[in-house]
PDB file of N, CA and C in Angstrom:
ATOM      1  N   MET A   1      37.133-163.672 115.513  1.00  0.00           N
ATOM      2  CA  MET A   1      36.635-162.573 114.454  1.00  0.00           C
ATOM      3  C   MET A   1      35.051-162.386 114.432  1.00  0.00           C
ATOM      4  N   SER A   2      34.794-161.258 114.639  1.00  0.00           N
ATOM      5  CA  SER A   2      33.354-161.023 114.959  1.00  0.00           C
ATOM      6  C   SER A   2      32.752-160.649 113.425  1.00  0.00           C
ATOM      7  N   VAL A   3      31.352-160.656 113.564  1.00  0.00           N
ATOM      8  CA  VAL A   3      30.629-160.325 112.477  1.00  0.00           C
ATOM      9  C   VAL A   3      30.848-159.038 111.577  1.00  0.00           C
ATOM     10  N   THR A   4      31.044-157.812 112.554  1.00  0.00           N
ATOM     11  CA  THR A   4      31.313-156.415 112.112  1.00  0.00           C
ATOM     12  C   THR A   4      32.532-156.417 111.507  1.00  0.00           C
ATOM     13  N   ASP A   5      33.581-157.123 111.755  1.00  0.00           N
ATOM     14  CA  ASP A   5      34.910-157.375 111.038  1.00  0.00           C
ATOM     15  C   ASP A   5      34.829-157.434 109.735  1.00  0.00           C
ATOM     16  N   ASP A   6      33.754-158.408 109.296  1.00  0.00           N
ATOM     17  CA  ASP A   6      33.831-158.922 107.787  1.00  0.00           C
ATOM     18  C   ASP A   6      33.429-157.737 106.953  1.00  0.00           C
ATOM     19  N   VAL A   7      32.337-156.693 107.383  1.00  0.00           N
ATOM     20  CA  VAL A   7      32.053-155.630 106.476  1.00  0.00           C
ATOM     21  C   VAL A   7      32.658-154.275 106.585  1.00  0.00           C
ATOM     22  N   VAL A   8      33.390-154.316 105.702  1.00  0.00           N
ATOM     23  CA  VAL A   8      34.054-152.904 105.302  1.00  0.00           C
ATOM     24  C   VAL A   8      33.629-151.980 104.386  1.00  0.00           C
ATOM     25  N   VAL A   9      33.352-150.855 104.508  1.00  0.00           N
ATOM     26  CA  VAL A   9      32.658-149.969 103.566  1.00  0.00           C
ATOM     27  C   VAL A   9      33.928-149.016 103.275  1.00  0.00           C
ATOM     28  N   PRO A  10      34.163-149.101 102.170  1.00  0.00           N
ATOM     29  CA  PRO A  10      35.267-147.874 101.584  1.00  0.00           C
ATOM     30  C   PRO A  10      34.989-146.462 101.894  1.00  0.00           C
ATOM     31  N   ALA A  11      35.725-145.661 102.238  1.00  0.00           N
ATOM     32  CA  ALA A  11      35.317-144.144 102.649  1.00  0.00           C
ATOM     33  C   ALA A  11      34.863-143.379 101.185  1.00  0.00           C
ATOM     34  N   THR A  12      35.525-143.909 100.087  1.00  0.00           N
ATOM     35  CA  THR A  12      34.892-143.367  98.812  1.00  0.00           C
ATOM     36  C   THR A  12      33.466-143.745  98.288  1.00  0.00           C
ATOM     37  N   ALA A  13      33.360-144.745  98.755  1.00  0.00           N
ATOM     38  CA  ALA A  13      31.883-145.326  98.595  1.00  0.00           C
ATOM     39  C   ALA A  13      30.755-144.391  99.163  1.00  0.00           C
ATOM     40  N   THR A  14      31.227-144.193 100.526  1.00  0.00           N
ATOM     41  CA  THR A  14      30.395-143.493 101.403  1.00  0.00           C
ATOM     42  C   THR A  14      30.197-141.950 100.670  1.00  0.00           C
ATOM     43  N   ALA A  15      31.420-141.615 100.258  1.00  0.00           N
ATOM     44  CA  ALA A  15      31.507-140.169  99.929  1.00  0.00           C
ATOM     45  C   ALA A  15      30.940-140.085  98.509  1.00  0.00           C
ATOM     46  N   THR A  16      30.781-140.976  97.868  1.00  0.00           N
ATOM     47  CA  THR A  16      30.134-141.085  96.365  1.00  0.00           C
ATOM     48  C   THR A  16      28.826-140.939  96.705  1.00  0.00           C
ATOM     49  N   ALA A  17      28.191-141.686  97.616  1.00  0.00           N
ATOM     50  CA  ALA A  17      26.917-142.013  97.746  1.00  0.00           C
ATOM     51  C   ALA A  17      26.260-140.632  98.270  1.00  0.00           C
ATOM     52  N   THR A  18      27.009-139.905  99.072  1.00  0.00           N
ATOM     53  CA  THR A  18      26.617-138.709  99.701  1.00  0.00           C
ATOM     54  C   THR A  18      26.615-137.780  98.698  1.00  0.00           C
ATOM     55  N   ALA A  19      27.494-137.505  97.795  1.00  0.00           N
ATOM     56  CA  ALA A  19      27.629-136.569  96.708  1.00  0.00           C
ATOM     57  C   ALA A  19      26.456-136.807  95.573  1.00  0.00           C
ATOM     58  N   THR A  20      26.061-138.021  95.416  1.00  0.00           N
ATOM     59  CA  THR A  20      24.949-138.218  94.603  1.00  0.00           C
ATOM     60  C   THR A  20      23.632-137.964  95.166  1.00  0.00           C
ATOM     61  N   ALA A  21      23.530-138.264  96.500  1.00  0.00           N
ATOM     62  CA  ALA A  21      22.293-137.915  96.816  1.00  0.00           C
ATOM     63  C   ALA A  21      22.074-136.448  97.177  1.00  0.00           C
ATOM     64  N   THR A  22      23.136-135.720  97.348  1.00  0.00           N
ATOM     65  CA  THR A  22      23.355-134.133  97.416  1.00  0.00           C
ATOM     66  C   THR A  22      22.856-133.532  96.021  1.00  0.00           C
ATOM     67  N   ALA A  23      23.457-134.263  95.133  1.00  0.00           N
ATOM     68  CA  ALA A  23      23.182-133.742  93.727  1.00  0.00           C
ATOM     69  C   ALA A  23      21.845-134.000  93.322  1.00  0.00           C
ATOM     70  N   THR A  24      21.286-135.184  93.400  1.00  0.00           N
ATOM     71  CA  THR A  24      19.822-135.546  93.296  1.00  0.00           C
ATOM     72  C   THR A  24      19.073-134.607  93.835  1.00  0.00           C
ATOM     73  N   ALA A  25      18.981-134.245  95.139  1.00  0.00           N
ATOM     74  CA  ALA A  25      18.284-133.146  95.947  1.00  0.00           C
ATOM     75  C   ALA A  25      18.463-131.702  95.405  1.00  0.00           C
ATOM     76  N   THR A  26      19.672-131.486  94.999  1.00  0.00           N
ATOM     77  CA  THR A  26      19.931-130.204  94.399  1.00  0.00           C
ATOM     78  C   THR A  26      19.116-130.121  92.931  1.00  0.00           C
ATOM     79  N   VAL A  27      19.186-131.083  92.087  1.00  0.00           N
ATOM     80  CA  VAL A  27      18.365-131.293  90.971  1.00  0.00           C
ATOM     81  C   VAL A  27      17.005-130.993  90.984  1.00  0.00           C
ATOM     82  N   LEU A  28      16.169-131.695  91.944  1.00  0.00           N
ATOM     83  CA  LEU A  28      14.806-131.992  91.988  1.00  0.00           C
ATOM     84  C   LEU A  28      14.350-130.814  92.829  1.00  0.00           C
ATOM     85  N   LEU A  29      15.249-129.781  93.713  1.00  0.00           N
ATOM     86  CA  LEU A  29      14.925-128.654  94.333  1.00  0.00           C
ATOM     87  C   LEU A  29      14.892-127.558  92.894  1.00  0.00           C
ATOM     88  N   PHE A  30      15.874-127.506  92.233  1.00  0.00           N
ATOM     89  CA  PHE A  30      15.924-126.528  91.289  1.00  0.00           C
ATOM     90  C   PHE A  30      14.846-126.891  90.246  1.00  0.00           C
ATOM     91  N   SER A  31      14.596-127.898  89.894  1.00  0.00           N
ATOM     92  CA  SER A  31      13.522-128.260  88.799  1.00  0.00           C
ATOM     93  C   SER A  31      12.272-127.691  89.481  1.00  0.00           C
ATOM     94  N   THR A  32      11.947-127.985  90.734  1.00  0.00           N
ATOM     95  CA  THR A  32      10.609-127.552  91.212  1.00  0.00           C
ATOM     96  C   THR A  32      10.357-126.019  91.320  1.00  0.00           C
ATOM     97  N   ALA A  33      11.704-125.494  91.687  1.00  0.00           N
ATOM     98  CA  ALA A  33      11.581-123.955  91.515  1.00  0.00           C
ATOM     99  C   ALA A  33      11.350-123.415  90.174  1.00  0.00           C
ATOM    100  N   LEU A  34      12.068-124.030  89.147  1.00  0.00           N
ATOM    101  CA  LEU A  34      11.650-123.672  87.905  1.00  0.00           C
ATOM    102  C   LEU A  34      10.383-123.809  87.364  1.00  0.00           C
ATOM    103  N   ILE A  35       9.993-124.749  87.585  1.00  0.00           N
ATOM    104  CA  ILE A  35       8.440-125.214  87.522  1.00  0.00           C
ATOM    105  C   ILE A  35       7.523-124.370  87.811  1.00  0.00           C
ATOM    106  N   ILE A  36       7.566-123.771  89.223  1.00  0.00           N
ATOM    107  CA  ILE A  36       6.822-122.903  89.918  1.00  0.00           C
ATOM    108  C   ILE A  36       6.995-121.449  89.208  1.00  0.00           C
ATOM    109  N   VAL A  37       8.191-121.080  88.905  1.00  0.00           N
ATOM    110  CA  VAL A  37       8.378-119.745  88.495  1.00  0.00           C
ATOM    111  C   VAL A  37       7.842-119.652  87.188  1.00  0.00           C
ATOM    112  N   CYS A  38       7.945-120.560  86.123  1.00  0.00           N
ATOM    113  CA  CYS A  38       7.444-120.759  84.864  1.00  0.00           C
ATOM    114  C   CYS A  38       5.822-120.862  84.827  1.00  0.00           C
ATOM    115  N   PHE A  39       5.222-121.455  85.748  1.00  0.00           N
ATOM    116  CA  PHE A  39       3.841-121.448  86.107  1.00  0.00           C
ATOM    117  C   PHE A  39       3.557-119.880  86.442  1.00  0.00           C
ATOM    118  N   VAL A  40       4.119-119.401  87.364  1.00  0.00           N
ATOM    119  CA  VAL A  40       3.544-118.085  87.907  1.00  0.00           C
ATOM    120  C   VAL A  40       3.572-117.236  86.799  1.00  0.00           C
ATOM    121  N   VAL A  41       4.709-117.278  85.948  1.00  0.00           N
ATOM    122  CA  VAL A  41       5.118-116.245  84.736  1.00  0.00           C
ATOM    123  C   VAL A  41       3.804-116.600  83.572  1.00  0.00           C
ATOM    124  N   LEU A  42       3.578-117.584  83.505  1.00  0.00           N
ATOM    125  CA  LEU A  42       2.519-117.974  82.587  1.00  0.00           C
ATOM    126  C   LEU A  42       1.257-117.699  83.078  1.00  0.00           C
ATOM    127  N   LEU A  43       1.086-117.492  84.250  1.00  0.00           N
ATOM    128  CA  LEU A  43      -0.486-117.250  84.830  1.00  0.00           C
ATOM    129  C   LEU A  43      -0.476-115.712  84.776  1.00  0.00           C
ATOM    130  N   LEU A  44       0.598-114.803  84.693  1.00  0.00           N
ATOM    131  CA  LEU A  44       0.508-113.562  84.929  1.00  0.00           C
ATOM    132  C   LEU A  44       0.616-112.906  83.443  1.00  0.00           C
ATOM    133  N   MET A  45       1.283-113.591  82.530  1.00  0.00           N
ATOM    134  CA  MET A  45       1.352-113.290  80.985  1.00  0.00           C
ATOM    135  C   MET A  45      -0.145-112.816  80.458  1.00  0.00           C
ATOM    136  N   PRO A  46      -0.138-111.619  79.819  1.00  0.00           N
ATOM    137  CA  PRO A  46      -1.369-111.335  79.072  1.00  0.00           C
ATOM    138  C   PRO A  46      -1.532-112.223  77.535  1.00  0.00           C
ATOM    139  N   PHE A  47      -2.233-112.691  77.454  1.00  0.00           N
ATOM    140  CA  PHE A  47      -2.550-113.447  76.069  1.00  0.00           C
ATOM    141  C   PHE A  47      -3.420-112.503  75.279  1.00  0.00           C
ATOM    142  N   PRO A  48      -3.212-112.801  73.767  1.00  0.00           N
ATOM    143  CA  PRO A  48      -4.134-112.168  72.838  1.00  0.00           C
ATOM    144  C   PRO A  48      -5.504-112.369  73.379  1.00  0.00           C
ATOM    145  N   GLY A  49      -6.241-111.100  73.287  1.00  0.00           N
ATOM    146  CA  GLY A  49      -7.720-111.072  73.604  1.00  0.00           C
ATOM    147  C   GLY A  49      -8.308-111.597  75.005  1.00  0.00           C
ATOM    148  N   VAL A  50      -7.409-111.852  76.031  1.00  0.00           N
ATOM    149  CA  VAL A  50      -7.274-111.738  77.240  1.00  0.00           C
ATOM    150  C   VAL A  50      -6.572-110.612  78.262  1.00  0.00           C
ATOM    151  N   PRO A  51      -7.340-109.893  78.948  1.00  0.00           N
ATOM    152  CA  PRO A  51      -6.623-108.841  79.581  1.00  0.00           C
ATOM    153  C   PRO A  51      -5.266-109.277  80.373  1.00  0.00           C
ATOM    154  N   LEU A  52      -6.228-110.334  81.323  1.00  0.00           N
ATOM    155  CA  LEU A  52      -5.067-110.918  82.320  1.00  0.00           C
ATOM    156  C   LEU A  52      -5.753-112.383  82.364  1.00  0.00           C
ATOM    157  N   ALA A  53      -4.841-112.958  82.202  1.00  0.00           N
ATOM    158  CA  ALA A  53      -5.380-114.610  82.104  1.00  0.00           C
ATOM    159  C   ALA A  53      -5.214-115.055  83.565  1.00  0.00           C
ATOM    160  N   GLY A  54      -4.538-114.608  84.429  1.00  0.00           N
ATOM    161  CA  GLY A  54      -4.895-115.265  86.014  1.00  0.00           C
ATOM    162  C   GLY A  54      -5.914-114.550  86.502  1.00  0.00           C
ATOM    163  N   ARG A  55      -6.262-113.466  86.315  1.00  0.00           N
ATOM    164  CA  ARG A  55      -7.548-112.870  86.887  1.00  0.00           C
ATOM    165  C   ARG A  55      -8.743-113.518  86.179  1.00  0.00           C
ATOM    166  N   ALA A  56      -8.695-113.742  84.986  1.00  0.00           N
ATOM    167  CA  ALA A  56      -9.781-114.325  84.155  1.00  0.00           C
ATOM    168  C   ALA A  56     -10.067-115.820  84.927  1.00  0.00           C
ATOM    169  N   VAL A  57      -8.963-116.626  85.283  1.00  0.00           N
ATOM    170  CA  VAL A  57      -8.960-117.729  85.801  1.00  0.00           C
ATOM    171  C   VAL A  57      -9.881-117.573  87.361  1.00  0.00           C
ATOM    172  N   VAL A  58      -9.360-116.580  87.978  1.00  0.00           N
ATOM    173  CA  VAL A  58      -9.839-116.423  89.248  1.00  0.00           C
ATOM    174  C   VAL A  58     -11.163-115.941  89.328  1.00  0.00           C
ATOM    175  N   ASN A  59     -11.568-115.133  88.558  1.00  0.00           N
ATOM    176  CA  ASN A  59     -13.047-114.796  88.373  1.00  0.00           C
ATOM    177  C   ASN A  59     -13.932-115.993  88.011  1.00  0.00           C
ATOM    178  N   GLY A  60     -13.154-116.531  86.796  1.00  0.00           N
ATOM    179  CA  GLY A  60     -14.066-117.579  86.512  1.00  0.00           C
ATOM    180  C   GLY A  60     -14.471-119.015  87.867  1.00  0.00           C
ATOM    181  N   ALA A  61     -13.438-119.109  88.533  1.00  0.00           N
ATOM    182  CA  ALA A  61     -13.414-120.161  89.750  1.00  0.00           C
ATOM    183  C   ALA A  61     -14.451-119.276  90.778  1.00  0.00           C
ATOM    184  N   SER A  62     -14.164-117.876  90.835  1.00  0.00           N
ATOM    185  CA  SER A  62     -15.328-117.440  91.794  1.00  0.00           C
ATOM    186  C   SER A  62     -16.666-117.635  91.356  1.00  0.00           C
ATOM    187  N   GLU A  63     -16.872-117.261  90.302  1.00  0.00           N
ATOM    188  CA  GLU A  63     -17.887-117.394  89.645  1.00  0.00           C
ATOM    189  C   GLU A  63     -18.761-118.558  89.739  1.00  0.00           C
ATOM    190  N   ALA A  64     -17.981-119.631  89.491  1.00  0.00           N
ATOM    191  CA  ALA A  64     -18.294-121.228  89.576  1.00  0.00           C
ATOM    192  C   ALA A  64     -18.867-121.465  90.988  1.00  0.00           C
ATOM    193  N   VAL A  65     -17.729-121.206  91.992  1.00  0.00           N
ATOM    194  CA  VAL A  65     -18.184-121.256  93.319  1.00  0.00           C
ATOM    195  C   VAL A  65     -19.556-120.562  93.936  1.00  0.00           C
ATOM    196  N   SER A  66     -19.740-119.493  93.162  1.00  0.00           N
ATOM    197  CA  SER A  66     -20.859-118.673  93.489  1.00  0.00           C
ATOM    198  C   SER A  66     -22.159-119.690  92.776  1.00  0.00           C
ATOM    199  N   ALA A  67     -21.866-119.944  91.876  1.00  0.00           N
ATOM    200  CA  ALA A  67     -23.051-120.472  91.072  1.00  0.00           C
ATOM    201  C   ALA A  67     -23.637-121.972  91.910  1.00  0.00           C
ATOM    202  N   LEU A  68     -22.354-122.691  92.348  1.00  0.00           N
ATOM    203  CA  LEU A  68     -22.598-123.735  93.038  1.00  0.00           C
ATOM    204  C   LEU A  68     -23.223-123.821  94.440  1.00  0.00           C
ATOM    205  N   ALA A  69     -22.846-122.533  94.896  1.00  0.00           N
ATOM    206  CA  ALA A  69     -23.472-122.241  96.246  1.00  0.00           C
ATOM    207  C   ALA A  69     -24.731-121.456  96.249  1.00  0.00           C
ATOM    208  N   GLY A  70     -25.446-121.336  95.115  1.00  0.00           N
ATOM    209  CA  GLY A  70     -26.575-120.616  94.875  1.00  0.00           C
ATOM    210  C   GLY A  70     -26.647-119.173  94.859  1.00  0.00           C
ATOM    211  N   PHE A  71     -25.573-118.669  95.010  1.00  0.00           N
ATOM    212  CA  PHE A  71     -25.585-117.238  95.135  1.00  0.00           C
ATOM    213  C   PHE A  71     -25.762-116.711  93.526  1.00  0.00           C
ATOM    214  N   HIS A  72     -26.840-115.677  93.435  1.00  0.00           N
ATOM    215  CA  HIS A  72     -26.993-115.020  91.918  1.00  0.00           C
ATOM    216  C   HIS A  72     -27.219-113.648  92.440  1.00  0.00           C
ATOM    217  N   PRO A  73     -26.036-112.868  92.419  1.00  0.00           N
ATOM    218  CA  PRO A  73     -26.300-111.588  92.623  1.00  0.00           C
ATOM    219  C   PRO A  73     -27.283-110.660  91.090  1.00  0.00           C
TER     220      PRO A  73
END
């Protein structure tokens, strides 16, 4: 009797592990996509008093980089 004869993995255990891994990957992928979509929607959504929140963030970042670079128009 060889060593490999002692190790028996039932087919159901392998199938269960594969199904669990697939389900986990699907949940992670769905969660990541949902977070990205929510972030983009919130970034583009106009808030009271702010015309475009996303544009304000980009303009603010651009001005900050210009100030750090010493560029003053």
